Amino acid sequence: MEKKADAGKTVKMVIAIVHDHDAADLLEALTTAGFQATKMASTGGFLREGNTTFLIGSDEEHVEEVLDIIKANCESRKKTVAPMSPVANSLEGYYSFPMEIKIGGATIFIIDVEQFAKI
């Protein structure tokens, strides 16, 4: 059955990219609060570590609640990464000393949904 957003109600799609470490807790918190989410595996660019991308549909008035749940379950933290192998010296991203970087948190996109279908 196809549904269109009501004229008075704006439907949003929240796309949240989170660290794999936070994914299970986030999914549990979202479902406990009554939100449906689609979970997809993804990979980050800099560290090539696993991420999880969530697609969460919500009425506009509940978007802040979704964001609060994400904030509560996806905390930023620091991580020290070892230097790359000297074999990698031809790579642009080569570094030769341990680096402390920030991981975790979430990258979030919120977009308008004109129409959706549940079949």
PDB file of N, CA and C in Angstrom:
ATOM      1  N   MET A   1       0.850  -1.180   0.000  1.00  0.00           N
ATOM      2  CA  MET A   1       0.000   0.000   0.000  1.00  0.00           C
ATOM      3  C   MET A   1       0.892   1.238   0.000  1.00  0.00           C
ATOM      4  N   GLU A   2       0.631   2.139  -0.873  1.00  0.00           N
ATOM      5  CA  GLU A   2       1.440   3.352  -0.984  1.00  0.00           C
ATOM      6  C   GLU A   2       0.838   4.444  -0.118  1.00  0.00           C
ATOM      7  N   LYS A   3       1.704   5.168   0.551  1.00  0.00           N
ATOM      8  CA  LYS A   3       1.247   6.256   1.411  1.00  0.00           C
ATOM      9  C   LYS A   3       1.938   7.534   0.997  1.00  0.00           C
ATOM     10  N   LYS A   4       1.219   8.638   1.055  1.00  0.00           N
ATOM     11  CA  LYS A   4       1.812   9.955   0.833  1.00  0.00           C
ATOM     12  C   LYS A   4       1.794  10.692   2.152  1.00  0.00           C
ATOM     13  N   ALA A   5       2.752  11.564   2.315  1.00  0.00           N
ATOM     14  CA  ALA A   5       2.782  12.375   3.530  1.00  0.00           C
ATOM     15  C   ALA A   5       1.521  13.227   3.568  1.00  0.00           C
ATOM     16  N   ASP A   6       0.864  13.283   4.736  1.00  0.00           N
ATOM     17  CA  ASP A   6      -0.315  14.117   4.890  1.00  0.00           C
ATOM     18  C   ASP A   6       0.058  15.568   4.629  1.00  0.00           C
ATOM     19  N   ALA A   7      -0.901  16.328   4.118  1.00  0.00           N
ATOM     20  CA  ALA A   7      -0.634  17.729   3.805  1.00  0.00           C
ATOM     21  C   ALA A   7      -0.137  18.493   5.029  1.00  0.00           C
ATOM     22  N   GLY A   8      -0.686  18.175   6.212  1.00  0.00           N
ATOM     23  CA  GLY A   8      -0.299  18.888   7.416  1.00  0.00           C
ATOM     24  C   GLY A   8       0.874  18.259   8.155  1.00  0.00           C
ATOM     25  N   LYS A   9       1.304  17.076   7.723  1.00  0.00           N
ATOM     26  CA  LYS A   9       2.363  16.353   8.421  1.00  0.00           C
ATOM     27  C   LYS A   9       3.556  16.168   7.510  1.00  0.00           C
ATOM     28  N   THR A  10       4.718  16.548   7.988  1.00  0.00           N
ATOM     29  CA  THR A  10       5.936  16.359   7.211  1.00  0.00           C
ATOM     30  C   THR A  10       6.633  15.104   7.712  1.00  0.00           C
ATOM     31  N   VAL A  11       6.937  14.209   6.778  1.00  0.00           N
ATOM     32  CA  VAL A  11       7.662  12.987   7.118  1.00  0.00           C
ATOM     33  C   VAL A  11       9.130  13.202   6.785  1.00  0.00           C
ATOM     34  N   LYS A  12       9.985  12.762   7.670  1.00  0.00           N
ATOM     35  CA  LYS A  12      11.429  12.924   7.500  1.00  0.00           C
ATOM     36  C   LYS A  12      12.104  11.557   7.458  1.00  0.00           C
ATOM     37  N   MET A  13      13.225  11.514   6.767  1.00  0.00           N
ATOM     38  CA  MET A  13      14.101  10.345   6.791  1.00  0.00           C
ATOM     39  C   MET A  13      15.369  10.781   7.503  1.00  0.00           C
ATOM     40  N   VAL A  14      15.665  10.119   8.616  1.00  0.00           N
ATOM     41  CA  VAL A  14      16.892  10.388   9.353  1.00  0.00           C
ATOM     42  C   VAL A  14      17.886   9.309   8.941  1.00  0.00           C
ATOM     43  N   ILE A  15      18.998   9.729   8.372  1.00  0.00           N
ATOM     44  CA  ILE A  15      20.066   8.811   7.987  1.00  0.00           C
ATOM     45  C   ILE A  15      21.201   9.050   8.970  1.00  0.00           C
ATOM     46  N   ALA A  16      21.512   8.031   9.771  1.00  0.00           N
ATOM     47  CA  ALA A  16      22.541   8.161  10.803  1.00  0.00           C
ATOM     48  C   ALA A  16      23.642   7.145  10.543  1.00  0.00           C
ATOM     49  N   ILE A  17      24.867   7.640  10.414  1.00  0.00           N
ATOM     50  CA  ILE A  17      26.033   6.783  10.222  1.00  0.00           C
ATOM     51  C   ILE A  17      26.775   6.758  11.552  1.00  0.00           C
ATOM     52  N   VAL A  18      26.861   5.561  12.149  1.00  0.00           N
ATOM     53  CA  VAL A  18      27.436   5.432  13.486  1.00  0.00           C
ATOM     54  C   VAL A  18      28.530   4.363  13.488  1.00  0.00           C
ATOM     55  N   HIS A  19      29.376   4.398  14.499  1.00  0.00           N
ATOM     56  CA  HIS A  19      30.432   3.401  14.654  1.00  0.00           C
ATOM     57  C   HIS A  19      29.781   2.055  14.992  1.00  0.00           C
ATOM     58  N   ASP A  20      30.333   0.967  14.462  1.00  0.00           N
ATOM     59  CA  ASP A  20      29.788  -0.365  14.733  1.00  0.00           C
ATOM     60  C   ASP A  20      29.643  -0.646  16.227  1.00  0.00           C
ATOM     61  N   HIS A  21      30.550  -0.121  17.008  1.00  0.00           N
ATOM     62  CA  HIS A  21      30.533  -0.342  18.454  1.00  0.00           C
ATOM     63  C   HIS A  21      29.225   0.148  19.081  1.00  0.00           C
ATOM     64  N   ASP A  22      28.603   1.177  18.496  1.00  0.00           N
ATOM     65  CA  ASP A  22      27.393   1.785  19.049  1.00  0.00           C
ATOM     66  C   ASP A  22      26.100   1.243  18.426  1.00  0.00           C
ATOM     67  N   ALA A  23      26.206   0.464  17.373  1.00  0.00           N
ATOM     68  CA  ALA A  23      25.039   0.094  16.572  1.00  0.00           C
ATOM     69  C   ALA A  23      23.998  -0.724  17.330  1.00  0.00           C
ATOM     70  N   ALA A  24      24.415  -1.736  18.070  1.00  0.00           N
ATOM     71  CA  ALA A  24      23.453  -2.605  18.763  1.00  0.00           C
ATOM     72  C   ALA A  24      22.649  -1.835  19.806  1.00  0.00           C
ATOM     73  N   ASP A  25      23.343  -1.003  20.595  1.00  0.00           N
ATOM     74  CA  ASP A  25      22.638  -0.219  21.620  1.00  0.00           C
ATOM     75  C   ASP A  25      21.680   0.784  20.986  1.00  0.00           C
ATOM     76  N   LEU A  26      22.110   1.385  19.880  1.00  0.00           N
ATOM     77  CA  LEU A  26      21.238   2.354  19.207  1.00  0.00           C
ATOM     78  C   LEU A  26      19.987   1.668  18.670  1.00  0.00           C
ATOM     79  N   LEU A  27      20.148   0.525  18.020  1.00  0.00           N
ATOM     80  CA  LEU A  27      18.991  -0.179  17.469  1.00  0.00           C
ATOM     81  C   LEU A  27      18.017  -0.576  18.570  1.00  0.00           C
ATOM     82  N   GLU A  28      18.541  -1.058  19.691  1.00  0.00           N
ATOM     83  CA  GLU A  28      17.671  -1.432  20.804  1.00  0.00           C
ATOM     84  C   GLU A  28      16.920  -0.219  21.353  1.00  0.00           C
ATOM     85  N   ALA A  29      17.615   0.906  21.499  1.00  0.00           N
ATOM     86  CA  ALA A  29      16.979   2.114  22.024  1.00  0.00           C
ATOM     87  C   ALA A  29      15.907   2.639  21.070  1.00  0.00           C
ATOM     88  N   LEU A  30      16.193   2.599  19.773  1.00  0.00           N
ATOM     89  CA  LEU A  30      15.206   3.063  18.791  1.00  0.00           C
ATOM     90  C   LEU A  30      13.952   2.190  18.819  1.00  0.00           C
ATOM     91  N   THR A  31      14.124   0.873  18.817  1.00  0.00           N
ATOM     92  CA  THR A  31      12.960  -0.016  18.786  1.00  0.00           C
ATOM     93  C   THR A  31      12.182   0.051  20.097  1.00  0.00           C
ATOM     94  N   THR A  32      12.882   0.209  21.225  1.00  0.00           N
ATOM     95  CA  THR A  32      12.204   0.358  22.518  1.00  0.00           C
ATOM     96  C   THR A  32      11.326   1.607  22.525  1.00  0.00           C
ATOM     97  N   ALA A  33      11.794   2.664  21.854  1.00  0.00           N
ATOM     98  CA  ALA A  33      11.032   3.917  21.789  1.00  0.00           C
ATOM     99  C   ALA A  33       9.953   3.883  20.706  1.00  0.00           C
ATOM    100  N   GLY A  34       9.857   2.779  19.972  1.00  0.00           N
ATOM    101  CA  GLY A  34       8.799   2.640  18.973  1.00  0.00           C
ATOM    102  C   GLY A  34       9.171   3.072  17.567  1.00  0.00           C
ATOM    103  N   PHE A  35      10.439   3.320  17.304  1.00  0.00           N
ATOM    104  CA  PHE A  35      10.867   3.715  15.968  1.00  0.00           C
ATOM    105  C   PHE A  35      11.328   2.491  15.186  1.00  0.00           C
ATOM    106  N   GLN A  36      10.989   2.463  13.917  1.00  0.00           N
ATOM    107  CA  GLN A  36      11.471   1.406  13.037  1.00  0.00           C
ATOM    108  C   GLN A  36      12.703   1.923  12.321  1.00  0.00           C
ATOM    109  N   ALA A  37      13.696   1.053  12.176  1.00  0.00           N
ATOM    110  CA  ALA A  37      14.935   1.462  11.523  1.00  0.00           C
ATOM    111  C   ALA A  37      15.428   0.328  10.633  1.00  0.00           C
ATOM    112  N   THR A  38      16.021   0.714   9.527  1.00  0.00           N
ATOM    113  CA  THR A  38      16.712  -0.236   8.665  1.00  0.00           C
ATOM    114  C   THR A  38      18.195  -0.042   8.923  1.00  0.00           C
ATOM    115  N   LYS A  39      18.886  -1.149   9.180  1.00  0.00           N
ATOM    116  CA  LYS A  39      20.304  -1.120   9.545  1.00  0.00           C
ATOM    117  C   LYS A  39      21.110  -1.702   8.387  1.00  0.00           C
ATOM    118  N   MET A  40      22.150  -0.965   7.957  1.00  0.00           N
ATOM    119  CA  MET A  40      23.002  -1.424   6.858  1.00  0.00           C
ATOM    120  C   MET A  40      24.462  -1.306   7.258  1.00  0.00           C
ATOM    121  N   ALA A  41      25.260  -2.288   6.860  1.00  0.00           N
ATOM    122  CA  ALA A  41      26.699  -2.228   7.113  1.00  0.00           C
ATOM    123  C   ALA A  41      27.321  -1.228   6.145  1.00  0.00           C
ATOM    124  N   SER A  42      28.297  -0.467   6.638  1.00  0.00           N
ATOM    125  CA  SER A  42      29.024   0.473   5.790  1.00  0.00           C
ATOM    126  C   SER A  42      30.456   0.565   6.315  1.00  0.00           C
ATOM    127  N   THR A  43      31.321   1.208   5.568  1.00  0.00           N
ATOM    128  CA  THR A  43      32.724   1.314   5.949  1.00  0.00           C
ATOM    129  C   THR A  43      33.164   2.764   5.895  1.00  0.00           C
ATOM    130  N   GLY A  44      33.894   3.194   6.932  1.00  0.00           N
ATOM    131  CA  GLY A  44      34.398   4.560   6.983  1.00  0.00           C
ATOM    132  C   GLY A  44      35.588   4.744   6.065  1.00  0.00           C
ATOM    133  N   GLY A  45      35.867   5.975   5.703  1.00  0.00           N
ATOM    134  CA  GLY A  45      36.935   6.268   4.763  1.00  0.00           C
ATOM    135  C   GLY A  45      38.328   6.324   5.359  1.00  0.00           C
ATOM    136  N   PHE A  46      38.517   7.059   6.439  1.00  0.00           N
ATOM    137  CA  PHE A  46      39.865   7.297   6.955  1.00  0.00           C
ATOM    138  C   PHE A  46      40.492   6.037   7.536  1.00  0.00           C
ATOM    139  N   LEU A  47      39.804   5.382   8.478  1.00  0.00           N
ATOM    140  CA  LEU A  47      40.367   4.201   9.128  1.00  0.00           C
ATOM    141  C   LEU A  47      39.940   2.893   8.468  1.00  0.00           C
ATOM    142  N   ARG A  48      39.025   2.977   7.540  1.00  0.00           N
ATOM    143  CA  ARG A  48      38.484   1.789   6.881  1.00  0.00           C
ATOM    144  C   ARG A  48      37.855   0.839   7.904  1.00  0.00           C
ATOM    145  N   GLU A  49      37.295   1.393   8.965  1.00  0.00           N
ATOM    146  CA  GLU A  49      36.644   0.595   9.998  1.00  0.00           C
ATOM    147  C   GLU A  49      35.162   0.496   9.708  1.00  0.00           C
ATOM    148  N   GLY A  50      34.546  -0.498  10.343  1.00  0.00           N
ATOM    149  CA  GLY A  50      33.124  -0.717  10.140  1.00  0.00           C
ATOM    150  C   GLY A  50      32.264   0.367  10.751  1.00  0.00           C
ATOM    151  N   ASN A  51      31.268   0.741   9.998  1.00  0.00           N
ATOM    152  CA  ASN A  51      30.225   1.651  10.454  1.00  0.00           C
ATOM    153  C   ASN A  51      28.893   0.969  10.214  1.00  0.00           C
ATOM    154  N   THR A  52      27.864   1.531  10.780  1.00  0.00           N
ATOM    155  CA  THR A  52      26.506   1.076  10.501  1.00  0.00           C
ATOM    156  C   THR A  52      25.703   2.301  10.112  1.00  0.00           C
ATOM    157  N   THR A  53      24.948   2.176   9.036  1.00  0.00           N
ATOM    158  CA  THR A  53      24.085   3.258   8.581  1.00  0.00           C
ATOM    159  C   THR A  53      22.646   2.875   8.892  1.00  0.00           C
ATOM    160  N   PHE A  54      21.952   3.753   9.586  1.00  0.00           N
ATOM    161  CA  PHE A  54      20.549   3.542   9.931  1.00  0.00           C
ATOM    162  C   PHE A  54      19.671   4.451   9.091  1.00  0.00           C
ATOM    163  N   LEU A  55      18.584   3.913   8.573  1.00  0.00           N
ATOM    164  CA  LEU A  55      17.544   4.691   7.905  1.00  0.00           C
ATOM    165  C   LEU A  55      16.329   4.659   8.827  1.00  0.00           C
ATOM    166  N   ILE A  56      15.915   5.834   9.293  1.00  0.00           N
ATOM    167  CA  ILE A  56      14.847   5.926  10.278  1.00  0.00           C
ATOM    168  C   ILE A  56      13.792   6.897   9.758  1.00  0.00           C
ATOM    169  N   GLY A  57      12.598   6.409   9.518  1.00  0.00           N
ATOM    170  CA  GLY A  57      11.499   7.273   9.098  1.00  0.00           C
ATOM    171  C   GLY A  57      10.781   7.816  10.320  1.00  0.00           C
ATOM    172  N   SER A  58      10.413   9.086  10.269  1.00  0.00           N
ATOM    173  CA  SER A  58       9.763   9.700  11.417  1.00  0.00           C
ATOM    174  C   SER A  58       8.917  10.893  10.988  1.00  0.00           C
ATOM    175  N   ASP A  59       7.818  11.110  11.719  1.00  0.00           N
ATOM    176  CA  ASP A  59       7.098  12.363  11.556  1.00  0.00           C
ATOM    177  C   ASP A  59       7.998  13.480  12.059  1.00  0.00           C
ATOM    178  N   GLU A  60       7.816  14.663  11.489  1.00  0.00           N
ATOM    179  CA  GLU A  60       8.673  15.790  11.852  1.00  0.00           C
ATOM    180  C   GLU A  60       8.682  16.058  13.357  1.00  0.00           C
ATOM    181  N   GLU A  61       7.546  15.893  14.008  1.00  0.00           N
ATOM    182  CA  GLU A  61       7.483  16.205  15.439  1.00  0.00           C
ATOM    183  C   GLU A  61       8.260  15.215  16.309  1.00  0.00           C
ATOM    184  N   HIS A  62       8.664  14.071  15.753  1.00  0.00           N
ATOM    185  CA  HIS A  62       9.430  13.091  16.525  1.00  0.00           C
ATOM    186  C   HIS A  62      10.919  13.066  16.169  1.00  0.00           C
ATOM    187  N   VAL A  63      11.342  13.911  15.245  1.00  0.00           N
ATOM    188  CA  VAL A  63      12.742  13.912  14.818  1.00  0.00           C
ATOM    189  C   VAL A  63      13.670  14.249  15.980  1.00  0.00           C
ATOM    190  N   GLU A  64      13.308  15.209  16.808  1.00  0.00           N
ATOM    191  CA  GLU A  64      14.153  15.572  17.955  1.00  0.00           C
ATOM    192  C   GLU A  64      14.324  14.395  18.906  1.00  0.00           C
ATOM    193  N   GLU A  65      13.274  13.608  19.089  1.00  0.00           N
ATOM    194  CA  GLU A  65      13.361  12.416  19.942  1.00  0.00           C
ATOM    195  C   GLU A  65      14.345  11.407  19.342  1.00  0.00           C
ATOM    196  N   VAL A  66      14.285  11.223  18.024  1.00  0.00           N
ATOM    197  CA  VAL A  66      15.237  10.334  17.346  1.00  0.00           C
ATOM    198  C   VAL A  66      16.660  10.846  17.553  1.00  0.00           C
ATOM    199  N   LEU A  67      16.868  12.143  17.371  1.00  0.00           N
ATOM    200  CA  LEU A  67      18.199  12.725  17.556  1.00  0.00           C
ATOM    201  C   LEU A  67      18.696  12.558  18.993  1.00  0.00           C
ATOM    202  N   ASP A  68      17.808  12.716  19.963  1.00  0.00           N
ATOM    203  CA  ASP A  68      18.188  12.527  21.364  1.00  0.00           C
ATOM    204  C   ASP A  68      18.620  11.087  21.628  1.00  0.00           C
ATOM    205  N   ILE A  69      17.922  10.132  21.028  1.00  0.00           N
ATOM    206  CA  ILE A  69      18.273   8.720  21.192  1.00  0.00           C
ATOM    207  C   ILE A  69      19.643   8.446  20.571  1.00  0.00           C
ATOM    208  N   ILE A  70      19.885   9.023  19.407  1.00  0.00           N
ATOM    209  CA  ILE A  70      21.192   8.842  18.755  1.00  0.00           C
ATOM    210  C   ILE A  70      22.294   9.435  19.623  1.00  0.00           C
ATOM    211  N   LYS A  71      22.083  10.658  20.109  1.00  0.00           N
ATOM    212  CA  LYS A  71      23.091  11.318  20.960  1.00  0.00           C
ATOM    213  C   LYS A  71      23.383  10.503  22.214  1.00  0.00           C
ATOM    214  N   ALA A  72      22.358   9.914  22.805  1.00  0.00           N
ATOM    215  CA  ALA A  72      22.522   9.159  24.045  1.00  0.00           C
ATOM    216  C   ALA A  72      23.262   7.838  23.833  1.00  0.00           C
ATOM    217  N   ASN A  73      23.250   7.320  22.617  1.00  0.00           N
ATOM    218  CA  ASN A  73      23.813   5.996  22.369  1.00  0.00           C
ATOM    219  C   ASN A  73      25.053   5.976  21.489  1.00  0.00           C
ATOM    220  N   CYS A  74      25.451   7.109  20.969  1.00  0.00           N
ATOM    221  CA  CYS A  74      26.594   7.162  20.043  1.00  0.00           C
ATOM    222  C   CYS A  74      27.575   8.227  20.504  1.00  0.00           C
ATOM    223  N   GLU A  75      28.354   7.889  21.500  1.00  0.00           N
ATOM    224  CA  GLU A  75      29.265   8.879  22.057  1.00  0.00           C
ATOM    225  C   GLU A  75      30.597   8.889  21.329  1.00  0.00           C
ATOM    226  N   SER A  76      31.179  10.062  21.247  1.00  0.00           N
ATOM    227  CA  SER A  76      32.519  10.210  20.671  1.00  0.00           C
ATOM    228  C   SER A  76      33.542   9.780  21.704  1.00  0.00           C
ATOM    229  N   ARG A  77      34.622   9.212  21.233  1.00  0.00           N
ATOM    230  CA  ARG A  77      35.721   8.817  22.111  1.00  0.00           C
ATOM    231  C   ARG A  77      37.018   8.912  21.346  1.00  0.00           C
ATOM    232  N   LYS A  78      38.119   8.904  22.067  1.00  0.00           N
ATOM    233  CA  LYS A  78      39.428   8.996  21.423  1.00  0.00           C
ATOM    234  C   LYS A  78      40.029   7.612  21.285  1.00  0.00           C
ATOM    235  N   LYS A  79      40.798   7.440  20.229  1.00  0.00           N
ATOM    236  CA  LYS A  79      41.470   6.167  19.975  1.00  0.00           C
ATOM    237  C   LYS A  79      42.859   6.482  19.429  1.00  0.00           C
ATOM    238  N   THR A  80      43.838   5.724  19.888  1.00  0.00           N
ATOM    239  CA  THR A  80      45.188   5.877  19.359  1.00  0.00           C
ATOM    240  C   THR A  80      45.385   4.816  18.286  1.00  0.00           C
ATOM    241  N   VAL A  81      45.788   5.255  17.106  1.00  0.00           N
ATOM    242  CA  VAL A  81      46.012   4.318  16.007  1.00  0.00           C
ATOM    243  C   VAL A  81      47.512   4.193  15.766  1.00  0.00           C
ATOM    244  N   ALA A  82      47.919   2.971  15.478  1.00  0.00           N
ATOM    245  CA  ALA A  82      49.333   2.687  15.235  1.00  0.00           C
ATOM    246  C   ALA A  82      49.744   3.245  13.877  1.00  0.00           C
ATOM    247  N   PRO A  83      51.035   3.494  13.706  1.00  0.00           N
ATOM    248  CA  PRO A  83      51.501   3.999  12.410  1.00  0.00           C
ATOM    249  C   PRO A  83      51.337   2.959  11.316  1.00  0.00           C
ATOM    250  N   MET A  84      51.215   3.438  10.103  1.00  0.00           N
ATOM    251  CA  MET A  84      51.128   2.542   8.956  1.00  0.00           C
ATOM    252  C   MET A  84      52.492   1.933   8.691  1.00  0.00           C
ATOM    253  N   SER A  85      52.493   0.812   8.062  1.00  0.00           N
ATOM    254  CA  SER A  85      53.724   0.115   7.702  1.00  0.00           C
ATOM    255  C   SER A  85      54.557   0.963   6.742  1.00  0.00           C
ATOM    256  N   PRO A  86      55.890   0.896   6.840  1.00  0.00           N
ATOM    257  CA  PRO A  86      56.753   1.630   5.904  1.00  0.00           C
ATOM    258  C   PRO A  86      56.515   1.215   4.446  1.00  0.00           C
ATOM    259  N   VAL A  87      55.944   0.034   4.249  1.00  0.00           N
ATOM    260  CA  VAL A  87      55.622  -0.414   2.895  1.00  0.00           C
ATOM    261  C   VAL A  87      54.615   0.545   2.262  1.00  0.00           C
ATOM    262  N   ALA A  88      53.838   1.203   3.101  1.00  0.00           N
ATOM    263  CA  ALA A  88      52.788   2.091   2.605  1.00  0.00           C
ATOM    264  C   ALA A  88      53.301   3.492   2.305  1.00  0.00           C
ATOM    265  N   ASN A  89      54.619   3.706   2.287  1.00  0.00           N
ATOM    266  CA  ASN A  89      55.132   5.070   2.150  1.00  0.00           C
ATOM    267  C   ASN A  89      54.779   5.732   0.832  1.00  0.00           C
ATOM    268  N   SER A  90      54.346   4.979  -0.141  1.00  0.00           N
ATOM    269  CA  SER A  90      53.948   5.593  -1.402  1.00  0.00           C
ATOM    270  C   SER A  90      52.501   6.082  -1.361  1.00  0.00           C
ATOM    271  N   LEU A  91      51.780   5.727  -0.314  1.00  0.00           N
ATOM    272  CA  LEU A  91      50.385   6.143  -0.195  1.00  0.00           C
ATOM    273  C   LEU A  91      50.287   7.582   0.299  1.00  0.00           C
ATOM    274  N   GLU A  92      49.298   8.268  -0.186  1.00  0.00           N
ATOM    275  CA  GLU A  92      49.097   9.655   0.220  1.00  0.00           C
ATOM    276  C   GLU A  92      48.833   9.800   1.712  1.00  0.00           C
ATOM    277  N   GLY A  93      48.092   8.857   2.282  1.00  0.00           N
ATOM    278  CA  GLY A  93      47.698   8.956   3.680  1.00  0.00           C
ATOM    279  C   GLY A  93      48.715   8.376   4.642  1.00  0.00           C
ATOM    280  N   TYR A  94      49.954   8.212   4.245  1.00  0.00           N
ATOM    281  CA  TYR A  94      50.984   7.604   5.092  1.00  0.00           C
ATOM    282  C   TYR A  94      51.273   8.477   6.311  1.00  0.00           C
ATOM    283  N   TYR A  95      51.361   7.826   7.446  1.00  0.00           N
ATOM    284  CA  TYR A  95      51.812   8.514   8.649  1.00  0.00           C
ATOM    285  C   TYR A  95      52.723   7.561   9.410  1.00  0.00           C
ATOM    286  N   SER A  96      53.738   8.091  10.098  1.00  0.00           N
ATOM    287  CA  SER A  96      54.763   7.238  10.695  1.00  0.00           C
ATOM    288  C   SER A  96      54.795   7.288  12.216  1.00  0.00           C
ATOM    289  N   PHE A  97      53.808   7.892  12.844  1.00  0.00           N
ATOM    290  CA  PHE A  97      53.796   7.988  14.293  1.00  0.00           C
ATOM    291  C   PHE A  97      52.382   7.709  14.785  1.00  0.00           C
ATOM    292  N   PRO A  98      52.225   7.214  16.006  1.00  0.00           N
ATOM    293  CA  PRO A  98      50.875   6.979  16.530  1.00  0.00           C
ATOM    294  C   PRO A  98      50.089   8.287  16.567  1.00  0.00           C
ATOM    295  N   MET A  99      48.829   8.188  16.243  1.00  0.00           N
ATOM    296  CA  MET A  99      47.968   9.365  16.238  1.00  0.00           C
ATOM    297  C   MET A  99      46.755   9.116  17.133  1.00  0.00           C
ATOM    298  N   GLU A 100      46.327  10.150  17.836  1.00  0.00           N
ATOM    299  CA  GLU A 100      45.094  10.063  18.606  1.00  0.00           C
ATOM    300  C   GLU A 100      44.003  10.703  17.767  1.00  0.00           C
ATOM    301  N   ILE A 101      42.950   9.944  17.535  1.00  0.00           N
ATOM    302  CA  ILE A 101      41.854  10.446  16.709  1.00  0.00           C
ATOM    303  C   ILE A 101      40.530  10.286  17.445  1.00  0.00           C
ATOM    304  N   LYS A 102      39.531  10.997  16.984  1.00  0.00           N
ATOM    305  CA  LYS A 102      38.190  10.911  17.556  1.00  0.00           C
ATOM    306  C   LYS A 102      37.387   9.911  16.724  1.00  0.00           C
ATOM    307  N   ILE A 103      36.775   8.936  17.401  1.00  0.00           N
ATOM    308  CA  ILE A 103      35.886   7.999  16.724  1.00  0.00           C
ATOM    309  C   ILE A 103      34.536   8.023  17.416  1.00  0.00           C
ATOM    310  N   GLY A 104      33.571   7.372  16.820  1.00  0.00           N
ATOM    311  CA  GLY A 104      32.246   7.314  17.421  1.00  0.00           C
ATOM    312  C   GLY A 104      31.425   8.527  17.044  1.00  0.00           C
ATOM    313  N   GLY A 105      30.434   8.793  17.844  1.00  0.00           N
ATOM    314  CA  GLY A 105      29.511   9.858  17.507  1.00  0.00           C
ATOM    315  C   GLY A 105      28.628   9.421  16.358  1.00  0.00           C
ATOM    316  N   ALA A 106      28.103  10.347  15.632  1.00  0.00           N
ATOM    317  CA  ALA A 106      27.226  10.025  14.505  1.00  0.00           C
ATOM    318  C   ALA A 106      27.274  11.152  13.483  1.00  0.00           C
ATOM    319  N   THR A 107      27.153  10.769  12.238  1.00  0.00           N
ATOM    320  CA  THR A 107      26.935  11.734  11.162  1.00  0.00           C
ATOM    321  C   THR A 107      25.486  11.547  10.741  1.00  0.00           C
ATOM    322  N   ILE A 108      24.719  12.630  10.764  1.00  0.00           N
ATOM    323  CA  ILE A 108      23.274  12.524  10.578  1.00  0.00           C
ATOM    324  C   ILE A 108      22.811  13.437   9.449  1.00  0.00           C
ATOM    325  N   PHE A 109      21.978  12.878   8.588  1.00  0.00           N
ATOM    326  CA  PHE A 109      21.329  13.636   7.525  1.00  0.00           C
ATOM    327  C   PHE A 109      19.831  13.522   7.751  1.00  0.00           C
ATOM    328  N   ILE A 110      19.118  14.626   7.603  1.00  0.00           N
ATOM    329  CA  ILE A 110      17.663  14.623   7.743  1.00  0.00           C
ATOM    330  C   ILE A 110      17.079  15.172   6.452  1.00  0.00           C
ATOM    331  N   ILE A 111      16.271  14.363   5.795  1.00  0.00           N
ATOM    332  CA  ILE A 111      15.712  14.776   4.505  1.00  0.00           C
ATOM    333  C   ILE A 111      14.193  14.627   4.509  1.00  0.00           C
ATOM    334  N   ASP A 112      13.538  15.439   3.702  1.00  0.00           N
ATOM    335  CA  ASP A 112      12.086  15.358   3.551  1.00  0.00           C
ATOM    336  C   ASP A 112      11.727  14.131   2.728  1.00  0.00           C
ATOM    337  N   VAL A 113      10.604  13.510   3.095  1.00  0.00           N
ATOM    338  CA  VAL A 113      10.086  12.361   2.349  1.00  0.00           C
ATOM    339  C   VAL A 113       8.749  12.788   1.737  1.00  0.00           C
ATOM    340  N   GLU A 114       8.661  12.741   0.434  1.00  0.00           N
ATOM    341  CA  GLU A 114       7.414  13.100  -0.236  1.00  0.00           C
ATOM    342  C   GLU A 114       6.454  11.922  -0.272  1.00  0.00           C
ATOM    343  N   GLN A 115       7.014  10.717  -0.360  1.00  0.00           N
ATOM    344  CA  GLN A 115       6.162   9.548  -0.531  1.00  0.00           C
ATOM    345  C   GLN A 115       6.940   8.310  -0.099  1.00  0.00           C
ATOM    346  N   PHE A 116       6.224   7.327   0.470  1.00  0.00           N
ATOM    347  CA  PHE A 116       6.855   6.058   0.802  1.00  0.00           C
ATOM    348  C   PHE A 116       5.845   4.939   0.616  1.00  0.00           C
ATOM    349  N   ALA A 117       6.341   3.747   0.431  1.00  0.00           N
ATOM    350  CA  ALA A 117       5.459   2.588   0.225  1.00  0.00           C
ATOM    351  C   ALA A 117       5.861   1.471   1.168  1.00  0.00           C
ATOM    352  N   LYS A 118       4.882   0.826   1.780  1.00  0.00           N
ATOM    353  CA  LYS A 118       5.089  -0.350   2.615  1.00  0.00           C
ATOM    354  C   LYS A 118       4.296  -1.468   1.972  1.00  0.00           C
ATOM    355  N   ILE A 119       5.004  -2.435   1.459  1.00  0.00           N
ATOM    356  CA  ILE A 119       4.326  -3.495   0.698  1.00  0.00           C
ATOM    357  C   ILE A 119       4.426  -4.810   1.445  1.00  0.00           C
TER     358      ILE A 119
END
